[in-house]
Every structure is written in C-alpha cells, then in structure tokens.
Amino acid sequence: MFTAIHSLNNVIGAEYWLIGFLVCALIFVLGCLLFKQCRTPKGIRTIVFSLLLSEIVCDIAWYLIYYPAGNYHNYGIGGLFVLLLWPVLLLIAGIITVKRNTVAAESQQSQ
C-alpha cells in the first residue's frame, strides 16, 4: 500500500492501483469472515496478522520492481501483471488463515 501511495504523485492511474489494493483487502477480510472459526478474537487477530504480512511482502516486492533505482520504472502493459501479486498473496494467506483457524478450533473442541 505504501508503494501505491508513494506512486500517487509519480504514476498516472495510481489512484486505481490504490483502490484495487483496498478492494482486494476488503474481499480478503470478508472472505475469511465467512468461516465461523475465523470470527473468534484469535481468528480475527490471525486475519489481521496475515493481511499485514501479505501487505509487507507485496509492498517490498512492488517497490523493488517498480522503483529499482529509487525512481519509477515504467514497464508498460507488462507491468500490470506484477499487480496480480497482491491477490495471489491474499489468496494464499486466506487459505492458510482459514486452515489455521479451523485446526485451532478443532483442537479446542477436542479438549
């Protein structure tokens, strides 16, 4: 998100990048909350932690790719594919989050 915010002054259309980023984050949170196990306080902490971890990893990757020497590098239409890193990371984080919360809920019920 910080790379998208930083790009607002440097890149035409960066506001769409930021809106897409926020929409994906919202879909991730709502998707995780569809599962009952994720609606516990511990489950919500896991969702927030996985969202922040995904954001940091994606932000670092985006910065290293789009700002290799400190200045924005325009890759043209090919640069759009790098933006797909965010939804992919969120999908992986969502699967791990739901699985982890499911295992934690099952182990708590068995006790």
PDB file of N, CA and C in Angstrom:
ATOM      1  N   MET A   1       0.825  -1.181   0.000  1.00  0.00           N
ATOM      2  CA  MET A   1       0.000   0.000   0.000  1.00  0.00           C
ATOM      3  C   MET A   1       0.875   1.252   0.000  1.00  0.00           C
ATOM      4  N   PHE A   2       1.998   1.180   0.688  1.00  0.00           N
ATOM      5  CA  PHE A   2       2.877   2.346   0.743  1.00  0.00           C
ATOM      6  C   PHE A   2       3.451   2.663  -0.634  1.00  0.00           C
ATOM      7  N   THR A   3       3.735   1.630  -1.415  1.00  0.00           N
ATOM      8  CA  THR A   3       4.236   1.861  -2.765  1.00  0.00           C
ATOM      9  C   THR A   3       3.152   2.502  -3.627  1.00  0.00           C
ATOM     10  N   ALA A   4       1.910   2.056  -3.465  1.00  0.00           N
ATOM     11  CA  ALA A   4       0.802   2.654  -4.225  1.00  0.00           C
ATOM     12  C   ALA A   4       0.589   4.105  -3.804  1.00  0.00           C
ATOM     13  N   ILE A   5       0.664   4.391  -2.530  1.00  0.00           N
ATOM     14  CA  ILE A   5       0.513   5.764  -2.046  1.00  0.00           C
ATOM     15  C   ILE A   5       1.669   6.629  -2.553  1.00  0.00           C
ATOM     16  N   HIS A   6       2.878   6.082  -2.501  1.00  0.00           N
ATOM     17  CA  HIS A   6       4.055   6.800  -2.992  1.00  0.00           C
ATOM     18  C   HIS A   6       3.929   7.095  -4.491  1.00  0.00           C
ATOM     19  N   SER A   7       3.261   6.210  -5.204  1.00  0.00           N
ATOM     20  CA  SER A   7       3.130   6.363  -6.648  1.00  0.00           C
ATOM     21  C   SER A   7       2.064   7.364  -7.061  1.00  0.00           C
ATOM     22  N   LEU A   8       1.242   7.815  -6.130  1.00  0.00           N
ATOM     23  CA  LEU A   8       0.180   8.758  -6.484  1.00  0.00           C
ATOM     24  C   LEU A   8       0.726  10.007  -7.172  1.00  0.00           C
ATOM     25  N   ASN A   9       1.884  10.478  -6.763  1.00  0.00           N
ATOM     26  CA  ASN A   9       2.477  11.685  -7.359  1.00  0.00           C
ATOM     27  C   ASN A   9       3.277  11.389  -8.621  1.00  0.00           C
ATOM     28  N   ASN A  10       3.693  10.128  -8.803  1.00  0.00           N
ATOM     29  CA  ASN A  10       4.609   9.795  -9.889  1.00  0.00           C
ATOM     30  C   ASN A  10       3.980   9.049 -11.058  1.00  0.00           C
ATOM     31  N   VAL A  11       2.861   8.382 -10.819  1.00  0.00           N
ATOM     32  CA  VAL A  11       2.316   7.462 -11.820  1.00  0.00           C
ATOM     33  C   VAL A  11       0.881   7.859 -12.164  1.00  0.00           C
ATOM     34  N   ILE A  12       0.616   7.980 -13.450  1.00  0.00           N
ATOM     35  CA  ILE A  12      -0.756   8.257 -13.888  1.00  0.00           C
ATOM     36  C   ILE A  12      -1.585   6.994 -13.676  1.00  0.00           C
ATOM     37  N   GLY A  13      -2.709   7.134 -13.008  1.00  0.00           N
ATOM     38  CA  GLY A  13      -3.584   5.996 -12.744  1.00  0.00           C
ATOM     39  C   GLY A  13      -3.286   5.279 -11.442  1.00  0.00           C
ATOM     40  N   ALA A  14      -2.392   5.806 -10.637  1.00  0.00           N
ATOM     41  CA  ALA A  14      -2.040   5.151  -9.377  1.00  0.00           C
ATOM     42  C   ALA A  14      -3.218   5.126  -8.412  1.00  0.00           C
ATOM     43  N   GLU A  15      -4.165   6.034  -8.581  1.00  0.00           N
ATOM     44  CA  GLU A  15      -5.339   6.027  -7.699  1.00  0.00           C
ATOM     45  C   GLU A  15      -6.162   4.754  -7.927  1.00  0.00           C
ATOM     46  N   TYR A  16      -6.163   4.238  -9.155  1.00  0.00           N
ATOM     47  CA  TYR A  16      -6.855   2.976  -9.428  1.00  0.00           C
ATOM     48  C   TYR A  16      -6.118   1.810  -8.775  1.00  0.00           C
ATOM     49  N   TRP A  17      -4.814   1.904  -8.758  1.00  0.00           N
ATOM     50  CA  TRP A  17      -3.977   0.907  -8.107  1.00  0.00           C
ATOM     51  C   TRP A  17      -4.328   0.853  -6.623  1.00  0.00           C
ATOM     52  N   LEU A  18      -4.434   2.003  -5.996  1.00  0.00           N
ATOM     53  CA  LEU A  18      -4.752   2.083  -4.575  1.00  0.00           C
ATOM     54  C   LEU A  18      -6.168   1.579  -4.294  1.00  0.00           C
ATOM     55  N   ILE A  19      -7.113   1.947  -5.140  1.00  0.00           N
ATOM     56  CA  ILE A  19      -8.493   1.475  -4.964  1.00  0.00           C
ATOM     57  C   ILE A  19      -8.551  -0.049  -5.115  1.00  0.00           C
ATOM     58  N   GLY A  20      -7.876  -0.588  -6.110  1.00  0.00           N
ATOM     59  CA  GLY A  20      -7.825  -2.037  -6.299  1.00  0.00           C
ATOM     60  C   GLY A  20      -7.198  -2.739  -5.116  1.00  0.00           C
ATOM     61  N   PHE A  21      -6.161  -2.132  -4.575  1.00  0.00           N
ATOM     62  CA  PHE A  21      -5.489  -2.680  -3.396  1.00  0.00           C
ATOM     63  C   PHE A  21      -6.467  -2.783  -2.228  1.00  0.00           C
ATOM     64  N   LEU A  22      -7.211  -1.717  -1.985  1.00  0.00           N
ATOM     65  CA  LEU A  22      -8.152  -1.690  -0.869  1.00  0.00           C
ATOM     66  C   LEU A  22      -9.333  -2.630  -1.097  1.00  0.00           C
ATOM     67  N   VAL A  23      -9.806  -2.734  -2.331  1.00  0.00           N
ATOM     68  CA  VAL A  23     -10.902  -3.655  -2.635  1.00  0.00           C
ATOM     69  C   VAL A  23     -10.464  -5.104  -2.396  1.00  0.00           C
ATOM     70  N   CYS A  24      -9.263  -5.452  -2.820  1.00  0.00           N
ATOM     71  CA  CYS A  24      -8.752  -6.810  -2.590  1.00  0.00           C
ATOM     72  C   CYS A  24      -8.626  -7.099  -1.093  1.00  0.00           C
ATOM     73  N   ALA A  25      -8.154  -6.131  -0.329  1.00  0.00           N
ATOM     74  CA  ALA A  25      -8.037  -6.315   1.119  1.00  0.00           C
ATOM     75  C   ALA A  25      -9.408  -6.516   1.751  1.00  0.00           C
ATOM     76  N   LEU A  26     -10.401  -5.756   1.308  1.00  0.00           N
ATOM     77  CA  LEU A  26     -11.762  -5.893   1.826  1.00  0.00           C
ATOM     78  C   LEU A  26     -12.345  -7.261   1.486  1.00  0.00           C
ATOM     79  N   ILE A  27     -12.156  -7.698   0.260  1.00  0.00           N
ATOM     80  CA  ILE A  27     -12.635  -9.022  -0.145  1.00  0.00           C
ATOM     81  C   ILE A  27     -11.954 -10.112   0.675  1.00  0.00           C
ATOM     82  N   PHE A  28     -10.653  -9.954   0.944  1.00  0.00           N
ATOM     83  CA  PHE A  28      -9.922 -10.920   1.760  1.00  0.00           C
ATOM     84  C   PHE A  28     -10.529 -11.027   3.158  1.00  0.00           C
ATOM     85  N   VAL A  29     -10.744  -9.896   3.798  1.00  0.00           N
ATOM     86  CA  VAL A  29     -11.287  -9.889   5.161  1.00  0.00           C
ATOM     87  C   VAL A  29     -12.690 -10.486   5.178  1.00  0.00           C
ATOM     88  N   LEU A  30     -13.534 -10.050   4.260  1.00  0.00           N
ATOM     89  CA  LEU A  30     -14.900 -10.573   4.217  1.00  0.00           C
ATOM     90  C   LEU A  30     -14.917 -12.064   3.882  1.00  0.00           C
ATOM     91  N   GLY A  31     -14.040 -12.490   3.001  1.00  0.00           N
ATOM     92  CA  GLY A  31     -13.939 -13.906   2.656  1.00  0.00           C
ATOM     93  C   GLY A  31     -13.517 -14.754   3.842  1.00  0.00           C
ATOM     94  N   CYS A  32     -12.571 -14.273   4.611  1.00  0.00           N
ATOM     95  CA  CYS A  32     -12.129 -15.013   5.799  1.00  0.00           C
ATOM     96  C   CYS A  32     -13.227 -15.050   6.859  1.00  0.00           C
ATOM     97  N   LEU A  33     -13.978 -13.960   6.982  1.00  0.00           N
ATOM     98  CA  LEU A  33     -15.030 -13.897   7.999  1.00  0.00           C
ATOM     99  C   LEU A  33     -16.244 -14.753   7.650  1.00  0.00           C
ATOM    100  N   LEU A  34     -16.291 -15.294   6.434  1.00  0.00           N
ATOM    101  CA  LEU A  34     -17.369 -16.204   6.076  1.00  0.00           C
ATOM    102  C   LEU A  34     -17.297 -17.502   6.882  1.00  0.00           C
ATOM    103  N   PHE A  35     -16.101 -17.830   7.358  1.00  0.00           N
ATOM    104  CA  PHE A  35     -15.910 -19.056   8.114  1.00  0.00           C
ATOM    105  C   PHE A  35     -16.068 -18.773   9.604  1.00  0.00           C
ATOM    106  N   LYS A  36     -16.858 -19.583  10.262  1.00  0.00           N
ATOM    107  CA  LYS A  36     -17.193 -19.371  11.676  1.00  0.00           C
ATOM    108  C   LYS A  36     -15.945 -19.362  12.563  1.00  0.00           C
ATOM    109  N   GLN A  37     -14.999 -20.215  12.255  1.00  0.00           N
ATOM    110  CA  GLN A  37     -13.778 -20.311  13.064  1.00  0.00           C
ATOM    111  C   GLN A  37     -12.963 -19.028  13.045  1.00  0.00           C
ATOM    112  N   CYS A  38     -13.129 -18.235  12.009  1.00  0.00           N
ATOM    113  CA  CYS A  38     -12.346 -17.005  11.867  1.00  0.00           C
ATOM    114  C   CYS A  38     -12.982 -15.819  12.579  1.00  0.00           C
ATOM    115  N   ARG A  39     -14.176 -15.995  13.118  1.00  0.00           N
ATOM    116  CA  ARG A  39     -14.863 -14.885  13.767  1.00  0.00           C
ATOM    117  C   ARG A  39     -14.580 -14.792  15.260  1.00  0.00           C
ATOM    118  N   THR A  40     -13.704 -15.618  15.762  1.00  0.00           N
ATOM    119  CA  THR A  40     -13.306 -15.537  17.172  1.00  0.00           C
ATOM    120  C   THR A  40     -12.252 -14.445  17.316  1.00  0.00           C
ATOM    121  N   PRO A  41     -12.018 -13.973  18.533  1.00  0.00           N
ATOM    122  CA  PRO A  41     -10.967 -12.953  18.704  1.00  0.00           C
ATOM    123  C   PRO A  41      -9.598 -13.420  18.194  1.00  0.00           C
ATOM    124  N   LYS A  42      -9.257 -14.677  18.454  1.00  0.00           N
ATOM    125  CA  LYS A  42      -7.979 -15.197  17.974  1.00  0.00           C
ATOM    126  C   LYS A  42      -7.985 -15.306  16.450  1.00  0.00           C
ATOM    127  N   GLY A  43      -9.125 -15.688  15.874  1.00  0.00           N
ATOM    128  CA  GLY A  43      -9.241 -15.776  14.429  1.00  0.00           C
ATOM    129  C   GLY A  43      -9.104 -14.424  13.756  1.00  0.00           C
ATOM    130  N   ILE A  44      -9.682 -13.404  14.352  1.00  0.00           N
ATOM    131  CA  ILE A  44      -9.580 -12.051  13.799  1.00  0.00           C
ATOM    132  C   ILE A  44      -8.142 -11.549  13.875  1.00  0.00           C
ATOM    133  N   ARG A  45      -7.457 -11.868  14.971  1.00  0.00           N
ATOM    134  CA  ARG A  45      -6.033 -11.497  15.074  1.00  0.00           C
ATOM    135  C   ARG A  45      -5.225 -12.180  13.978  1.00  0.00           C
ATOM    136  N   THR A  46      -5.551 -13.431  13.706  1.00  0.00           N
ATOM    137  CA  THR A  46      -4.847 -14.162  12.652  1.00  0.00           C
ATOM    138  C   THR A  46      -5.109 -13.531  11.289  1.00  0.00           C
ATOM    139  N   ILE A  47      -6.350 -13.118  11.055  1.00  0.00           N
ATOM    140  CA  ILE A  47      -6.693 -12.461   9.788  1.00  0.00           C
ATOM    141  C   ILE A  47      -5.891 -11.166   9.631  1.00  0.00           C
ATOM    142  N   VAL A  48      -5.869 -10.362  10.669  1.00  0.00           N
ATOM    143  CA  VAL A  48      -5.148  -9.086  10.614  1.00  0.00           C
ATOM    144  C   VAL A  48      -3.652  -9.318  10.415  1.00  0.00           C
ATOM    145  N   PHE A  49      -3.096 -10.295  11.147  1.00  0.00           N
ATOM    146  CA  PHE A  49      -1.672 -10.595  11.014  1.00  0.00           C
ATOM    147  C   PHE A  49      -1.347 -11.065   9.597  1.00  0.00           C
ATOM    148  N   SER A  50      -2.155 -11.955   9.041  1.00  0.00           N
ATOM    149  CA  SER A  50      -1.876 -12.457   7.697  1.00  0.00           C
ATOM    150  C   SER A  50      -2.052 -11.359   6.645  1.00  0.00           C
ATOM    151  N   LEU A  51      -3.016 -10.465   6.856  1.00  0.00           N
ATOM    152  CA  LEU A  51      -3.197  -9.337   5.936  1.00  0.00           C
ATOM    153  C   LEU A  51      -1.973  -8.417   5.976  1.00  0.00           C
ATOM    154  N   LEU A  52      -1.510  -8.097   7.166  1.00  0.00           N
ATOM    155  CA  LEU A  52      -0.342  -7.215   7.291  1.00  0.00           C
ATOM    156  C   LEU A  52       0.926  -7.867   6.739  1.00  0.00           C
ATOM    157  N   LEU A  53       1.102  -9.156   7.000  1.00  0.00           N
ATOM    158  CA  LEU A  53       2.278  -9.854   6.488  1.00  0.00           C
ATOM    159  C   LEU A  53       2.253  -9.896   4.961  1.00  0.00           C
ATOM    160  N   SER A  54       1.095 -10.186   4.390  1.00  0.00           N
ATOM    161  CA  SER A  54       0.966 -10.190   2.924  1.00  0.00           C
ATOM    162  C   SER A  54       1.235  -8.806   2.353  1.00  0.00           C
ATOM    163  N   GLU A  55       0.739  -7.789   3.032  1.00  0.00           N
ATOM    164  CA  GLU A  55       0.931  -6.423   2.570  1.00  0.00           C
ATOM    165  C   GLU A  55       2.407  -6.038   2.578  1.00  0.00           C
ATOM    166  N   ILE A  56       3.111  -6.410   3.607  1.00  0.00           N
ATOM    167  CA  ILE A  56       4.536  -6.069   3.698  1.00  0.00           C
ATOM    168  C   ILE A  56       5.330  -6.780   2.607  1.00  0.00           C
ATOM    169  N   VAL A  57       5.078  -8.072   2.425  1.00  0.00           N
ATOM    170  CA  VAL A  57       5.801  -8.830   1.399  1.00  0.00           C
ATOM    171  C   VAL A  57       5.509  -8.254   0.010  1.00  0.00           C
ATOM    172  N   CYS A  58       4.237  -7.995  -0.264  1.00  0.00           N
ATOM    173  CA  CYS A  58       3.850  -7.455  -1.572  1.00  0.00           C
ATOM    174  C   CYS A  58       4.420  -6.059  -1.781  1.00  0.00           C
ATOM    175  N   ASP A  59       4.369  -5.237  -0.752  1.00  0.00           N
ATOM    176  CA  ASP A  59       4.872  -3.877  -0.863  1.00  0.00           C
ATOM    177  C   ASP A  59       6.370  -3.852  -1.145  1.00  0.00           C
ATOM    178  N   ILE A  60       7.106  -4.700  -0.482  1.00  0.00           N
ATOM    179  CA  ILE A  60       8.556  -4.780  -0.728  1.00  0.00           C
ATOM    180  C   ILE A  60       8.819  -5.228  -2.164  1.00  0.00           C
ATOM    181  N   ALA A  61       8.088  -6.241  -2.614  1.00  0.00           N
ATOM    182  CA  ALA A  61       8.275  -6.730  -3.984  1.00  0.00           C
ATOM    183  C   ALA A  61       7.927  -5.644  -4.996  1.00  0.00           C
ATOM    184  N   TRP A  62       6.786  -4.990  -4.784  1.00  0.00           N
ATOM    185  CA  TRP A  62       6.397  -3.923  -5.706  1.00  0.00           C
ATOM    186  C   TRP A  62       7.436  -2.812  -5.738  1.00  0.00           C
ATOM    187  N   TYR A  63       7.949  -2.416  -4.579  1.00  0.00           N
ATOM    188  CA  TYR A  63       8.924  -1.333  -4.543  1.00  0.00           C
ATOM    189  C   TYR A  63      10.207  -1.733  -5.276  1.00  0.00           C
ATOM    190  N   LEU A  64      10.663  -2.957  -5.035  1.00  0.00           N
ATOM    191  CA  LEU A  64      11.884  -3.403  -5.703  1.00  0.00           C
ATOM    192  C   LEU A  64      11.709  -3.523  -7.205  1.00  0.00           C
ATOM    193  N   ILE A  65      10.498  -3.852  -7.642  1.00  0.00           N
ATOM    194  CA  ILE A  65      10.252  -3.996  -9.078  1.00  0.00           C
ATOM    195  C   ILE A  65      10.012  -2.642  -9.741  1.00  0.00           C
ATOM    196  N   TYR A  66       9.133  -1.834  -9.179  1.00  0.00           N
ATOM    197  CA  TYR A  66       8.750  -0.574  -9.820  1.00  0.00           C
ATOM    198  C   TYR A  66       9.717   0.575  -9.544  1.00  0.00           C
ATOM    199  N   TYR A  67      10.473   0.498  -8.479  1.00  0.00           N
ATOM    200  CA  TYR A  67      11.426   1.557  -8.132  1.00  0.00           C
ATOM    201  C   TYR A  67      12.825   0.948  -7.933  1.00  0.00           C
ATOM    202  N   PRO A  68      13.393   0.323  -8.969  1.00  0.00           N
ATOM    203  CA  PRO A  68      14.660  -0.395  -8.791  1.00  0.00           C
ATOM    204  C   PRO A  68      15.840   0.494  -8.397  1.00  0.00           C
ATOM    205  N   ALA A  69      15.881   1.713  -8.878  1.00  0.00           N
ATOM    206  CA  ALA A  69      16.991   2.602  -8.546  1.00  0.00           C
ATOM    207  C   ALA A  69      16.506   3.827  -7.777  1.00  0.00           C
ATOM    208  N   GLY A  70      15.329   3.698  -7.180  1.00  0.00           N
ATOM    209  CA  GLY A  70      14.771   4.822  -6.445  1.00  0.00           C
ATOM    210  C   GLY A  70      13.821   5.666  -7.264  1.00  0.00           C
ATOM    211  N   ASN A  71      13.847   5.509  -8.587  1.00  0.00           N
ATOM    212  CA  ASN A  71      12.942   6.226  -9.485  1.00  0.00           C
ATOM    213  C   ASN A  71      11.992   5.227 -10.128  1.00  0.00           C
ATOM    214  N   TYR A  72      10.780   5.684 -10.414  1.00  0.00           N
ATOM    215  CA  TYR A  72       9.784   4.810 -11.015  1.00  0.00           C
ATOM    216  C   TYR A  72      10.229   4.339 -12.388  1.00  0.00           C
ATOM    217  N   HIS A  73      10.086   3.038 -12.634  1.00  0.00           N
ATOM    218  CA  HIS A  73      10.400   2.460 -13.937  1.00  0.00           C
ATOM    219  C   HIS A  73       9.104   1.963 -14.557  1.00  0.00           C
ATOM    220  N   ASN A  74       8.763   2.475 -15.743  1.00  0.00           N
ATOM    221  CA  ASN A  74       7.533   2.108 -16.430  1.00  0.00           C
ATOM    222  C   ASN A  74       7.786   0.887 -17.306  1.00  0.00           C
ATOM    223  N   TYR A  75       7.115  -0.220 -16.992  1.00  0.00           N
ATOM    224  CA  TYR A  75       7.268  -1.447 -17.767  1.00  0.00           C
ATOM    225  C   TYR A  75       6.208  -1.573 -18.851  1.00  0.00           C
ATOM    226  N   GLY A  76       5.361  -0.581 -18.971  1.00  0.00           N
ATOM    227  CA  GLY A  76       4.298  -0.641 -19.962  1.00  0.00           C
ATOM    228  C   GLY A  76       3.199  -1.593 -19.505  1.00  0.00           C
ATOM    229  N   ILE A  77       2.531  -2.186 -20.459  1.00  0.00           N
ATOM    230  CA  ILE A  77       1.416  -3.078 -20.143  1.00  0.00           C
ATOM    231  C   ILE A  77       1.890  -4.316 -19.381  1.00  0.00           C
ATOM    232  N   GLY A  78       3.121  -4.709 -19.579  1.00  0.00           N
ATOM    233  CA  GLY A  78       3.680  -5.860 -18.859  1.00  0.00           C
ATOM    234  C   GLY A  78       3.777  -5.626 -17.363  1.00  0.00           C
ATOM    235  N   GLY A  79       3.862  -4.371 -16.960  1.00  0.00           N
ATOM    236  CA  GLY A  79       3.940  -4.042 -15.545  1.00  0.00           C
ATOM    237  C   GLY A  79       2.646  -4.301 -14.799  1.00  0.00           C
ATOM    238  N   LEU A  80       1.555  -4.408 -15.534  1.00  0.00           N
ATOM    239  CA  LEU A  80       0.271  -4.694 -14.885  1.00  0.00           C
ATOM    240  C   LEU A  80       0.245  -6.082 -14.254  1.00  0.00           C
ATOM    241  N   PHE A  81       0.968  -7.014 -14.843  1.00  0.00           N
ATOM    242  CA  PHE A  81       0.952  -8.377 -14.322  1.00  0.00           C
ATOM    243  C   PHE A  81       1.571  -8.475 -12.933  1.00  0.00           C
ATOM    244  N   VAL A  82       2.473  -7.572 -12.618  1.00  0.00           N
ATOM    245  CA  VAL A  82       3.086  -7.566 -11.283  1.00  0.00           C
ATOM    246  C   VAL A  82       2.048  -7.196 -10.229  1.00  0.00           C
ATOM    247  N   LEU A  83       1.044  -6.416 -10.618  1.00  0.00           N
ATOM    248  CA  LEU A  83      -0.007  -6.038  -9.675  1.00  0.00           C
ATOM    249  C   LEU A  83      -0.827  -7.240  -9.219  1.00  0.00           C
ATOM    250  N   LEU A  84      -0.807  -8.316  -9.995  1.00  0.00           N
ATOM    251  CA  LEU A  84      -1.539  -9.524  -9.625  1.00  0.00           C
ATOM    252  C   LEU A  84      -0.891 -10.261  -8.452  1.00  0.00           C
ATOM    253  N   LEU A  85       0.291  -9.824  -8.066  1.00  0.00           N
ATOM    254  CA  LEU A  85       0.947 -10.426  -6.906  1.00  0.00           C
ATOM    255  C   LEU A  85       0.100 -10.264  -5.651  1.00  0.00           C
ATOM    256  N   TRP A  86      -0.558  -9.139  -5.494  1.00  0.00           N
ATOM    257  CA  TRP A  86      -1.370  -8.862  -4.303  1.00  0.00           C
ATOM    258  C   TRP A  86      -2.536  -9.847  -4.152  1.00  0.00           C
ATOM    259  N   PRO A  87      -3.389 -10.042  -5.174  1.00  0.00           N
ATOM    260  CA  PRO A  87      -4.462 -11.022  -4.999  1.00  0.00           C
ATOM    261  C   PRO A  87      -3.956 -12.450  -4.786  1.00  0.00           C
ATOM    262  N   VAL A  88      -2.847 -12.790  -5.429  1.00  0.00           N
ATOM    263  CA  VAL A  88      -2.294 -14.136  -5.249  1.00  0.00           C
ATOM    264  C   VAL A  88      -1.811 -14.320  -3.813  1.00  0.00           C
ATOM    265  N   LEU A  89      -1.101 -13.337  -3.279  1.00  0.00           N
ATOM    266  CA  LEU A  89      -0.646 -13.425  -1.891  1.00  0.00           C
ATOM    267  C   LEU A  89      -1.823 -13.468  -0.921  1.00  0.00           C
ATOM    268  N   LEU A  90      -2.868 -12.708  -1.196  1.00  0.00           N
ATOM    269  CA  LEU A  90      -4.046 -12.732  -0.336  1.00  0.00           C
ATOM    270  C   LEU A  90      -4.758 -14.072  -0.404  1.00  0.00           C
ATOM    271  N   LEU A  91      -4.801 -14.680  -1.565  1.00  0.00           N
ATOM    272  CA  LEU A  91      -5.420 -15.997  -1.690  1.00  0.00           C
ATOM    273  C   LEU A  91      -4.650 -17.031  -0.870  1.00  0.00           C
ATOM    274  N   ILE A  92      -3.347 -17.010  -0.974  1.00  0.00           N
ATOM    275  CA  ILE A  92      -2.516 -17.934  -0.198  1.00  0.00           C
ATOM    276  C   ILE A  92      -2.676 -17.663   1.295  1.00  0.00           C
ATOM    277  N   ALA A  93      -2.648 -16.398   1.686  1.00  0.00           N
ATOM    278  CA  ALA A  93      -2.809 -16.039   3.101  1.00  0.00           C
ATOM    279  C   ALA A  93      -4.187 -16.432   3.607  1.00  0.00           C
ATOM    280  N   GLY A  94      -5.211 -16.281   2.780  1.00  0.00           N
ATOM    281  CA  GLY A  94      -6.561 -16.661   3.184  1.00  0.00           C
ATOM    282  C   GLY A  94      -6.688 -18.143   3.416  1.00  0.00           C
ATOM    283  N   ILE A  95      -6.114 -18.935   2.532  1.00  0.00           N
ATOM    284  CA  ILE A  95      -6.155 -20.389   2.703  1.00  0.00           C
ATOM    285  C   ILE A  95      -5.439 -20.798   3.987  1.00  0.00           C
ATOM    286  N   ILE A  96      -4.265 -20.238   4.212  1.00  0.00           N
ATOM    287  CA  ILE A  96      -3.501 -20.561   5.422  1.00  0.00           C
ATOM    288  C   ILE A  96      -4.253 -20.099   6.665  1.00  0.00           C
ATOM    289  N   THR A  97      -4.843 -18.918   6.632  1.00  0.00           N
ATOM    290  CA  THR A  97      -5.566 -18.380   7.783  1.00  0.00           C
ATOM    291  C   THR A  97      -6.764 -19.245   8.148  1.00  0.00           C
ATOM    292  N   VAL A  98      -7.560 -19.586   7.158  1.00  0.00           N
ATOM    293  CA  VAL A  98      -8.748 -20.399   7.429  1.00  0.00           C
ATOM    294  C   VAL A  98      -8.342 -21.778   7.920  1.00  0.00           C
ATOM    295  N   LYS A  99      -7.330 -22.373   7.310  1.00  0.00           N
ATOM    296  CA  LYS A  99      -6.849 -23.691   7.743  1.00  0.00           C
ATOM    297  C   LYS A  99      -6.344 -23.635   9.176  1.00  0.00           C
ATOM    298  N   ARG A 100      -5.566 -22.613   9.486  1.00  0.00           N
ATOM    299  CA  ARG A 100      -5.017 -22.486  10.836  1.00  0.00           C
ATOM    300  C   ARG A 100      -6.130 -22.290  11.866  1.00  0.00           C
ATOM    301  N   ASN A 101      -7.097 -21.445  11.548  1.00  0.00           N
ATOM    302  CA  ASN A 101      -8.200 -21.220  12.478  1.00  0.00           C
ATOM    303  C   ASN A 101      -9.077 -22.457  12.624  1.00  0.00           C
ATOM    304  N   THR A 102      -9.237 -23.223  11.559  1.00  0.00           N
ATOM    305  CA  THR A 102     -10.014 -24.461  11.617  1.00  0.00           C
ATOM    306  C   THR A 102      -9.328 -25.487  12.513  1.00  0.00           C
ATOM    307  N   VAL A 103      -8.022 -25.650  12.348  1.00  0.00           N
ATOM    308  CA  VAL A 103      -7.271 -26.587  13.186  1.00  0.00           C
ATOM    309  C   VAL A 103      -7.304 -26.152  14.644  1.00  0.00           C
ATOM    310  N   ALA A 104      -7.174 -24.848  14.893  1.00  0.00           N
ATOM    311  CA  ALA A 104      -7.211 -24.350  16.273  1.00  0.00           C
ATOM    312  C   ALA A 104      -8.582 -24.576  16.899  1.00  0.00           C
ATOM    313  N   ALA A 105      -9.638 -24.387  16.129  1.00  0.00           N
ATOM    314  CA  ALA A 105     -10.998 -24.582  16.653  1.00  0.00           C
ATOM    315  C   ALA A 105     -11.265 -26.053  16.941  1.00  0.00           C
ATOM    316  N   GLU A 106     -10.778 -26.931  16.061  1.00  0.00           N
ATOM    317  CA  GLU A 106     -10.960 -28.370  16.264  1.00  0.00           C
ATOM    318  C   GLU A 106     -10.193 -28.871  17.476  1.00  0.00           C
ATOM    319  N   SER A 107      -8.981 -28.380  17.661  1.00  0.00           N
ATOM    320  CA  SER A 107      -8.196 -28.807  18.821  1.00  0.00           C
ATOM    321  C   SER A 107      -8.798 -28.273  20.113  1.00  0.00           C
ATOM    322  N   GLN A 108      -9.401 -27.098  20.068  1.00  0.00           N
ATOM    323  CA  GLN A 108     -10.040 -26.542  21.258  1.00  0.00           C
ATOM    324  C   GLN A 108     -11.317 -27.311  21.600  1.00  0.00           C
ATOM    325  N   GLN A 109     -12.041 -27.764  20.609  1.00  0.00           N
ATOM    326  CA  GLN A 109     -13.266 -28.538  20.849  1.00  0.00           C
ATOM    327  C   GLN A 109     -12.969 -29.919  21.399  1.00  0.00           C
ATOM    328  N   SER A 110     -11.833 -30.488  21.003  1.00  0.00           N
ATOM    329  CA  SER A 110     -11.493 -31.836  21.462  1.00  0.00           C
ATOM    330  C   SER A 110     -11.023 -31.846  22.914  1.00  0.00           C
ATOM    331  N   GLN A 111     -10.696 -30.694  23.456  1.00  0.00           N
ATOM    332  CA  GLN A 111     -10.207 -30.648  24.845  1.00  0.00           C
ATOM    333  C   GLN A 111     -11.310 -30.625  25.811  1.00  0.00           C
TER     334      GLN A 111
END
